[in-house]
N, C-alpha and C. Protein backbone atom coordinates (compact mmCIF):
# COMPACT_ATOMS: atom_id res chain seq x y z
N MET A 1 4.70 12.13 25.45
CA MET A 1 4.07 12.14 23.67
C MET A 1 3.65 10.74 23.15
N SER A 2 2.79 11.04 22.08
CA SER A 2 2.03 9.43 21.66
C SER A 2 3.01 9.43 20.14
N ASN A 3 3.24 8.10 20.25
CA ASN A 3 3.88 7.60 18.96
C ASN A 3 2.81 7.53 17.79
N ILE A 4 3.12 8.47 16.60
CA ILE A 4 2.28 8.44 15.40
C ILE A 4 2.61 7.78 13.96
N ARG A 5 2.26 6.78 13.24
CA ARG A 5 2.19 6.07 12.56
C ARG A 5 1.72 7.09 11.03
N ILE A 6 2.84 7.15 10.21
CA ILE A 6 2.42 8.18 9.15
C ILE A 6 2.76 7.40 8.24
N THR A 7 2.00 7.20 6.68
CA THR A 7 2.43 6.73 5.41
C THR A 7 2.48 7.39 4.27
N LYS A 8 3.13 7.33 3.41
CA LYS A 8 3.50 8.04 1.94
C LYS A 8 3.18 6.86 1.06
N GLN A 9 2.12 7.17 -0.52
CA GLN A 9 2.34 6.03 -0.83
C GLN A 9 3.35 6.33 -2.67
N PHE A 10 3.87 5.21 -2.82
CA PHE A 10 4.45 5.55 -4.22
C PHE A 10 4.38 4.24 -5.18
N ASN A 11 4.39 4.94 -6.30
CA ASN A 11 3.56 3.81 -7.74
C ASN A 11 5.09 3.68 -8.29
N PHE A 12 5.61 2.69 -8.73
CA PHE A 12 6.69 2.51 -9.93
C PHE A 12 5.75 1.14 -11.25
N GLU A 13 7.04 1.34 -12.05
CA GLU A 13 6.25 -0.07 -13.07
C GLU A 13 7.65 -0.66 -13.10
N THR A 14 7.48 -2.00 -12.43
CA THR A 14 8.79 -3.03 -12.83
C THR A 14 8.68 -4.35 -13.58
N GLY A 15 9.22 -4.70 -14.02
CA GLY A 15 9.37 -6.10 -14.92
C GLY A 15 9.66 -7.08 -13.76
N HIS A 16 9.55 -8.63 -14.28
CA HIS A 16 10.74 -9.28 -13.27
C HIS A 16 10.10 -10.91 -14.09
N ALA A 17 10.43 -11.74 -13.79
CA ALA A 17 10.62 -13.23 -14.16
C ALA A 17 10.49 -14.32 -13.03
N LEU A 18 9.93 -15.27 -12.71
CA LEU A 18 10.37 -15.92 -11.64
C LEU A 18 10.96 -17.64 -12.33
N PHE A 19 11.87 -17.58 -11.84
CA PHE A 19 12.74 -18.44 -12.55
C PHE A 19 12.14 -19.96 -11.74
N GLY A 20 11.34 -20.91 -12.89
CA GLY A 20 11.47 -22.52 -12.28
C GLY A 20 10.13 -22.44 -11.60
N TYR A 21 9.09 -21.30 -11.94
CA TYR A 21 7.90 -21.29 -11.20
C TYR A 21 7.06 -22.04 -12.31
N ASP A 22 5.88 -22.91 -12.08
CA ASP A 22 5.14 -23.33 -13.06
C ASP A 22 3.69 -22.93 -13.61
N GLY A 23 3.83 -21.39 -13.32
CA GLY A 23 2.37 -20.71 -13.75
C GLY A 23 3.00 -19.77 -15.07
N LYS A 24 2.22 -18.83 -15.47
CA LYS A 24 2.83 -17.31 -16.11
C LYS A 24 3.82 -16.76 -15.94
N CYS A 25 3.83 -17.04 -14.73
CA CYS A 25 4.82 -15.65 -13.75
C CYS A 25 6.09 -16.20 -13.96
N LYS A 26 6.47 -17.32 -14.58
CA LYS A 26 8.14 -17.82 -15.15
C LYS A 26 8.29 -17.31 -16.37
N ASN A 27 7.23 -16.73 -17.11
CA ASN A 27 7.57 -15.60 -18.18
C ASN A 27 8.06 -14.39 -18.17
N VAL A 28 8.59 -13.00 -18.82
CA VAL A 28 9.34 -11.78 -18.14
C VAL A 28 7.75 -11.50 -18.27
N HIS A 29 7.20 -10.40 -17.39
CA HIS A 29 6.16 -9.42 -17.57
C HIS A 29 6.66 -8.36 -16.22
N GLY A 30 5.30 -7.28 -16.27
CA GLY A 30 5.10 -6.52 -15.61
C GLY A 30 4.51 -6.12 -14.62
N HIS A 31 4.40 -5.28 -13.53
CA HIS A 31 3.30 -4.70 -12.98
C HIS A 31 3.62 -3.03 -12.73
N SER A 32 2.33 -3.05 -12.17
CA SER A 32 2.49 -1.45 -11.62
C SER A 32 2.22 -1.28 -10.17
N TYR A 33 3.47 -1.42 -9.45
CA TYR A 33 3.38 -1.45 -8.25
C TYR A 33 2.91 -0.11 -7.74
N LYS A 34 2.27 -0.58 -6.60
CA LYS A 34 1.74 0.65 -5.54
C LYS A 34 3.07 0.01 -4.04
N LEU A 35 3.03 0.82 -4.06
CA LEU A 35 4.08 0.50 -2.20
C LEU A 35 3.78 1.94 -1.18
N SER A 36 3.38 0.97 0.18
CA SER A 36 2.85 1.99 0.65
C SER A 36 3.91 2.14 1.88
N VAL A 37 4.16 2.79 2.50
CA VAL A 37 5.23 2.95 3.73
C VAL A 37 5.22 3.72 4.71
N THR A 38 5.35 2.86 6.06
CA THR A 38 4.47 3.46 6.79
C THR A 38 5.61 3.57 7.95
N VAL A 39 5.89 4.97 8.65
CA VAL A 39 6.84 5.22 9.68
C VAL A 39 6.19 5.19 11.18
N ILE A 40 6.49 5.22 11.77
CA ILE A 40 6.07 5.57 13.31
C ILE A 40 7.59 6.03 14.21
N GLY A 41 6.95 7.07 14.74
CA GLY A 41 7.49 7.97 15.84
C GLY A 41 6.56 8.93 16.78
N THR A 42 7.67 9.70 16.84
CA THR A 42 6.80 10.27 17.85
C THR A 42 6.48 12.14 17.78
N PRO A 43 6.11 12.80 17.39
CA PRO A 43 6.01 14.10 16.44
C PRO A 43 7.15 15.06 17.24
N ILE A 44 7.27 15.99 16.49
CA ILE A 44 8.86 16.70 17.07
C ILE A 44 7.93 17.93 18.15
N THR A 45 8.57 17.98 19.13
CA THR A 45 8.21 19.28 20.31
C THR A 45 8.70 20.48 20.38
N ASP A 46 10.40 20.40 19.89
CA ASP A 46 10.68 21.58 19.72
C ASP A 46 10.47 22.72 18.67
N VAL A 47 10.00 23.84 19.36
CA VAL A 47 9.25 24.99 19.04
C VAL A 47 9.87 25.58 18.39
N SER A 48 11.41 25.16 18.38
CA SER A 48 12.10 26.09 17.17
C SER A 48 12.44 25.52 16.05
N ASN A 49 12.38 23.73 16.02
CA ASN A 49 12.32 22.90 14.92
C ASN A 49 11.29 23.77 13.65
N VAL A 50 11.95 23.58 12.62
CA VAL A 50 10.43 24.21 11.57
C VAL A 50 9.48 23.09 10.97
N LYS A 51 9.84 21.64 11.49
CA LYS A 51 9.40 20.82 11.54
C LYS A 51 8.50 19.83 12.36
N LEU A 52 7.94 21.24 13.50
CA LEU A 52 7.44 20.94 14.78
C LEU A 52 6.02 20.29 14.31
N GLY A 53 5.83 19.40 15.12
CA GLY A 53 4.35 18.50 15.04
C GLY A 53 4.84 17.59 13.90
N MET A 54 5.73 16.91 13.21
CA MET A 54 5.52 16.46 12.21
C MET A 54 6.92 15.13 13.17
N VAL A 55 6.01 13.97 12.59
CA VAL A 55 7.23 12.86 13.03
C VAL A 55 8.28 12.93 12.07
N ILE A 56 8.30 13.19 10.70
CA ILE A 56 9.16 12.63 9.98
C ILE A 56 8.47 13.94 8.68
N ASP A 57 9.26 14.74 8.45
CA ASP A 57 8.88 15.53 6.73
C ASP A 57 7.94 14.44 5.44
N PHE A 58 7.11 14.45 5.02
CA PHE A 58 6.46 13.67 4.50
C PHE A 58 7.59 13.48 2.80
N GLY A 59 8.30 15.07 2.94
CA GLY A 59 9.46 14.98 1.89
C GLY A 59 10.53 14.12 1.92
N ASP A 60 10.91 14.25 2.93
CA ASP A 60 12.16 13.78 3.78
C ASP A 60 11.91 11.94 3.23
N LEU A 61 10.82 11.73 4.09
CA LEU A 61 9.97 10.11 3.50
C LEU A 61 10.43 9.95 2.33
N LYS A 62 9.71 10.84 1.37
CA LYS A 62 9.32 10.65 0.00
C LYS A 62 11.02 10.43 -0.66
N LYS A 63 12.05 11.30 -0.63
CA LYS A 63 13.83 11.50 -0.70
C LYS A 63 14.18 10.03 -0.45
N ILE A 64 13.73 9.53 0.94
CA ILE A 64 14.36 8.42 1.15
C ILE A 64 14.15 7.32 0.05
N VAL A 65 12.55 6.77 0.40
CA VAL A 65 12.07 5.89 -0.94
C VAL A 65 12.18 5.72 -2.10
N LYS A 66 12.15 7.52 -3.16
CA LYS A 66 12.55 7.68 -4.41
C LYS A 66 14.49 6.92 -4.51
N GLU A 67 14.81 7.42 -3.36
CA GLU A 67 16.40 6.94 -3.96
C GLU A 67 16.60 5.40 -4.08
N GLU A 68 16.22 5.24 -3.06
CA GLU A 68 16.50 3.80 -2.86
C GLU A 68 15.76 2.82 -3.71
N ILE A 69 14.13 2.79 -3.81
CA ILE A 69 13.17 1.92 -4.32
C ILE A 69 12.83 2.56 -5.56
N VAL A 70 12.30 3.55 -5.81
CA VAL A 70 11.33 4.01 -6.82
C VAL A 70 12.18 4.21 -7.96
N ASP A 71 13.17 5.24 -7.99
CA ASP A 71 14.55 5.45 -9.14
C ASP A 71 14.93 4.40 -9.25
N VAL A 72 15.23 3.23 -8.58
CA VAL A 72 16.39 2.31 -8.89
C VAL A 72 15.39 0.78 -9.40
N PHE A 73 13.72 0.78 -8.84
CA PHE A 73 13.53 -0.09 -9.21
C PHE A 73 12.18 0.08 -10.63
N ASP A 74 12.01 1.76 -11.16
CA ASP A 74 11.22 2.19 -12.12
C ASP A 74 11.60 1.43 -13.33
N HIS A 75 10.57 1.58 -14.21
CA HIS A 75 11.10 0.74 -15.54
C HIS A 75 12.07 -0.20 -15.60
N ALA A 76 12.61 -0.76 -14.58
CA ALA A 76 13.93 -2.04 -14.69
C ALA A 76 12.87 -3.38 -15.02
N THR A 77 13.98 -4.94 -15.10
CA THR A 77 13.82 -5.56 -15.09
C THR A 77 13.94 -5.99 -14.07
N VAL A 78 14.41 -6.93 -13.00
CA VAL A 78 14.68 -7.88 -11.93
C VAL A 78 15.04 -9.10 -12.11
N PHE A 79 15.62 -9.97 -11.90
CA PHE A 79 15.77 -11.29 -12.28
C PHE A 79 16.71 -11.89 -11.41
N ASN A 80 16.60 -12.98 -10.47
CA ASN A 80 17.65 -13.80 -9.72
C ASN A 80 18.39 -14.18 -10.42
N LYS A 81 19.94 -13.19 -9.79
CA LYS A 81 21.45 -13.26 -10.47
C LYS A 81 21.69 -14.63 -9.95
N ASN A 82 21.00 -15.65 -9.50
CA ASN A 82 21.37 -17.17 -8.89
C ASN A 82 20.87 -18.32 -9.99
N THR A 83 20.34 -17.74 -11.14
CA THR A 83 19.70 -18.82 -11.85
C THR A 83 19.77 -18.57 -13.49
N PRO A 84 19.81 -19.38 -14.41
CA PRO A 84 19.81 -19.24 -15.58
C PRO A 84 19.03 -17.56 -16.64
N HIS A 85 18.05 -17.09 -15.25
CA HIS A 85 17.66 -15.64 -15.73
C HIS A 85 19.09 -14.81 -16.14
N VAL A 86 20.21 -14.90 -15.28
CA VAL A 86 20.86 -13.78 -15.51
C VAL A 86 21.57 -14.31 -17.37
N GLU A 87 22.04 -15.09 -17.91
CA GLU A 87 21.85 -15.17 -19.24
C GLU A 87 20.65 -14.14 -20.16
N LEU A 88 19.69 -14.15 -19.49
CA LEU A 88 18.73 -13.13 -20.21
C LEU A 88 18.91 -11.53 -19.76
N ALA A 89 19.29 -11.39 -18.32
CA ALA A 89 19.57 -10.47 -18.00
C ALA A 89 21.00 -9.63 -18.89
N MET A 90 21.95 -10.47 -18.61
CA MET A 90 23.29 -9.81 -19.47
C MET A 90 22.93 -9.12 -20.87
N ALA A 91 22.02 -10.26 -21.75
CA ALA A 91 21.27 -9.62 -23.06
C ALA A 91 21.03 -8.67 -23.29
N LEU A 92 19.73 -8.43 -22.36
CA LEU A 92 18.84 -7.20 -22.26
C LEU A 92 19.91 -6.01 -21.65
N GLN A 93 20.75 -6.30 -20.87
CA GLN A 93 21.89 -4.93 -20.72
C GLN A 93 22.85 -4.32 -21.82
N ASP A 94 23.35 -5.83 -22.29
CA ASP A 94 24.01 -5.30 -23.96
C ASP A 94 23.17 -4.31 -24.58
N ARG A 95 21.66 -4.49 -24.58
CA ARG A 95 20.61 -3.96 -25.30
C ARG A 95 20.59 -2.43 -25.28
N GLY A 96 21.59 -2.81 -23.85
CA GLY A 96 20.65 -1.07 -23.15
C GLY A 96 19.58 -1.07 -22.00
N HIS A 97 18.98 -2.14 -21.67
CA HIS A 97 17.81 -2.19 -20.94
C HIS A 97 18.24 -1.88 -19.23
N HIS A 98 17.64 -1.55 -18.97
CA HIS A 98 17.56 -1.57 -17.32
C HIS A 98 17.68 -2.50 -16.49
N VAL A 99 18.36 -3.51 -16.12
CA VAL A 99 18.58 -4.50 -15.48
C VAL A 99 18.75 -4.71 -14.18
N ILE A 100 17.86 -5.36 -13.19
CA ILE A 100 18.52 -5.75 -11.64
C ILE A 100 18.87 -6.62 -11.29
N LEU A 101 19.88 -7.45 -10.86
CA LEU A 101 19.68 -8.79 -10.30
C LEU A 101 20.28 -8.45 -9.24
N VAL A 102 19.28 -9.57 -8.29
CA VAL A 102 18.99 -9.64 -6.98
C VAL A 102 19.17 -11.04 -6.76
N ASP A 103 19.67 -11.49 -5.30
CA ASP A 103 19.98 -12.54 -4.76
C ASP A 103 18.88 -13.62 -4.29
N TYR A 104 17.62 -13.40 -4.94
CA TYR A 104 16.45 -13.45 -4.64
C TYR A 104 15.80 -14.16 -5.38
N GLN A 105 14.58 -14.42 -5.70
CA GLN A 105 13.72 -14.67 -6.64
C GLN A 105 12.57 -13.57 -6.31
N PRO A 106 12.59 -13.19 -7.18
CA PRO A 106 12.12 -11.64 -7.00
C PRO A 106 10.32 -11.68 -7.04
N THR A 107 9.97 -12.20 -6.15
CA THR A 107 8.50 -12.12 -5.93
C THR A 107 8.60 -10.85 -4.80
N SER A 108 7.02 -10.20 -4.87
CA SER A 108 6.35 -9.66 -3.97
C SER A 108 6.79 -9.70 -2.84
N GLU A 109 6.97 -10.86 -2.07
CA GLU A 109 7.24 -11.63 -0.63
C GLU A 109 8.74 -10.77 -0.51
N ASN A 110 9.63 -11.36 -1.39
CA ASN A 110 10.73 -11.38 -1.45
C ASN A 110 11.28 -9.67 -1.58
N MET A 111 10.86 -8.64 -2.78
CA MET A 111 11.23 -7.72 -2.89
C MET A 111 10.57 -6.58 -1.41
N VAL A 112 9.70 -7.17 -1.05
CA VAL A 112 9.06 -6.14 0.23
C VAL A 112 10.01 -6.18 1.21
N ILE A 113 10.91 -7.48 1.69
CA ILE A 113 11.94 -8.25 2.61
C ILE A 113 13.28 -6.95 1.95
N ASP A 114 13.34 -7.29 1.10
CA ASP A 114 14.43 -6.31 0.40
C ASP A 114 14.31 -4.88 0.75
N PHE A 115 12.84 -4.04 0.63
CA PHE A 115 12.83 -2.75 0.69
C PHE A 115 12.39 -2.34 2.12
N ALA A 116 12.30 -3.12 3.02
CA ALA A 116 12.17 -2.67 4.73
C ALA A 116 14.04 -2.53 4.83
N ALA A 117 14.76 -3.77 4.55
CA ALA A 117 16.07 -3.57 4.95
C ALA A 117 16.65 -1.71 4.14
N LYS A 118 16.30 -1.85 3.35
CA LYS A 118 17.05 -0.52 2.34
C LYS A 118 16.32 0.97 2.97
N ILE A 119 15.25 0.82 3.49
CA ILE A 119 14.50 2.32 3.68
C ILE A 119 14.70 2.08 5.34
N SER A 120 15.07 0.90 5.94
CA SER A 120 15.06 0.92 7.42
C SER A 120 16.59 1.56 7.70
N ALA A 121 17.33 1.19 6.91
CA ALA A 121 19.21 1.83 6.92
C ALA A 121 19.49 3.49 6.86
N ARG A 122 17.81 3.90 6.49
CA ARG A 122 18.17 5.41 6.19
C ARG A 122 17.19 6.24 6.78
N LEU A 123 16.57 5.53 7.28
CA LEU A 123 15.46 6.46 8.42
C LEU A 123 16.36 7.49 9.65
N PRO A 124 15.97 8.39 9.79
CA PRO A 124 16.51 9.14 11.22
C PRO A 124 16.34 8.19 12.80
N GLU A 125 17.44 7.93 13.37
CA GLU A 125 17.32 7.66 14.49
C GLU A 125 15.96 7.49 15.47
N SER A 126 15.31 8.31 15.66
CA SER A 126 14.20 8.89 16.49
C SER A 126 12.93 7.83 15.64
N ILE A 127 13.20 7.60 14.32
CA ILE A 127 11.93 6.82 13.50
C ILE A 127 12.37 5.78 13.24
N ARG A 128 11.11 4.60 13.26
CA ARG A 128 10.87 3.42 13.19
C ARG A 128 10.26 2.93 11.52
N LEU A 129 10.85 2.02 11.10
CA LEU A 129 9.69 1.16 9.79
C LEU A 129 8.98 0.50 10.83
N HIS A 130 7.69 0.94 10.15
CA HIS A 130 6.47 0.17 11.01
C HIS A 130 5.72 -0.87 10.30
N SER A 131 5.79 -0.94 8.74
CA SER A 131 5.05 -1.45 7.97
C SER A 131 5.32 -1.12 6.42
N LEU A 132 5.53 -2.20 5.41
CA LEU A 132 5.51 -1.81 4.26
C LEU A 132 4.27 -2.33 3.29
N ARG A 133 3.66 -2.33 2.40
CA ARG A 133 2.98 -3.38 1.64
C ARG A 133 3.05 -2.60 -0.05
N LEU A 134 3.28 -4.00 -0.37
CA LEU A 134 3.79 -4.15 -1.54
C LEU A 134 2.56 -4.39 -2.68
N GLN A 135 2.00 -3.38 -3.38
CA GLN A 135 0.93 -4.45 -3.81
C GLN A 135 1.19 -4.35 -5.75
N GLU A 136 0.96 -5.59 -6.01
CA GLU A 136 1.59 -6.11 -7.31
C GLU A 136 0.07 -6.00 -8.14
N THR A 137 -0.70 -6.02 -7.69
CA THR A 137 -1.83 -6.23 -9.08
C THR A 137 -3.08 -5.47 -8.13
N GLU A 138 -4.17 -4.87 -8.60
CA GLU A 138 -5.56 -4.59 -7.69
C GLU A 138 -5.92 -5.71 -6.63
N THR A 139 -5.43 -6.59 -6.99
CA THR A 139 -5.93 -7.61 -5.50
C THR A 139 -4.57 -8.48 -5.53
N SER A 140 -3.50 -8.27 -5.31
CA SER A 140 -3.27 -8.72 -4.56
C SER A 140 -1.61 -7.96 -3.85
N PHE A 141 -1.37 -8.28 -2.78
CA PHE A 141 -0.17 -7.74 -2.39
C PHE A 141 0.70 -8.46 -1.13
N ALA A 142 1.47 -7.79 -0.47
CA ALA A 142 2.33 -8.72 0.40
C ALA A 142 3.12 -7.14 1.30
N GLU A 143 2.92 -7.83 2.69
CA GLU A 143 3.19 -6.91 3.35
C GLU A 143 3.76 -7.40 4.67
N TRP A 144 4.80 -6.26 4.90
CA TRP A 144 5.73 -6.51 5.84
C TRP A 144 5.59 -5.68 6.69
N TYR A 145 5.58 -6.29 8.43
CA TYR A 145 5.71 -5.52 9.31
C TYR A 145 6.96 -5.44 10.40
N ALA A 146 7.24 -4.70 10.85
CA ALA A 146 8.47 -4.89 11.99
C ALA A 146 8.09 -5.70 12.87
N SER A 147 6.99 -5.53 13.56
CA SER A 147 6.40 -6.50 15.03
C SER A 147 6.15 -7.60 14.55
N ASP A 148 6.35 -8.29 13.29
CA ASP A 148 5.96 -9.38 12.55
C ASP A 148 8.41 -10.31 12.19
N ASN A 149 8.58 -9.00 12.63
CA ASN A 149 10.39 -9.44 12.31
C ASN A 149 10.89 -8.71 13.25
N ALA A 150 10.68 -8.49 15.01
CA ALA A 150 11.66 -8.41 15.59
C ALA A 150 12.03 -9.35 15.93
């Protein structure tokens, strides 16, 4: 049976700031992110399986990505916890804001690496994460491919 890639797309709003950056992105700002998740596997051939012909049920993939990424990052502000931004993060948290502290500079490149690890850990054994595309703006995105990281 052939390997097939399937893709599901997600949208979420997230704020961030890049500590030490020499441009406008050093300021707290946000993006309407678009995340495309592509997995690869062989379609189910067991005729008694209700998911016959599917690589993975799109609903099952949606559940994983929503729980690991969308529900966590949507309308949150992300800061690198290893910078003085942690003080700003704490002040925002004290005022009831949803803040995520990560151990990396919250660029699209680093976020997509983080997302790949989180999604891969939740996929069924027979399914592999093929690629992620995190679009930050209409013209800018970061991509992660399993083949580049083997």
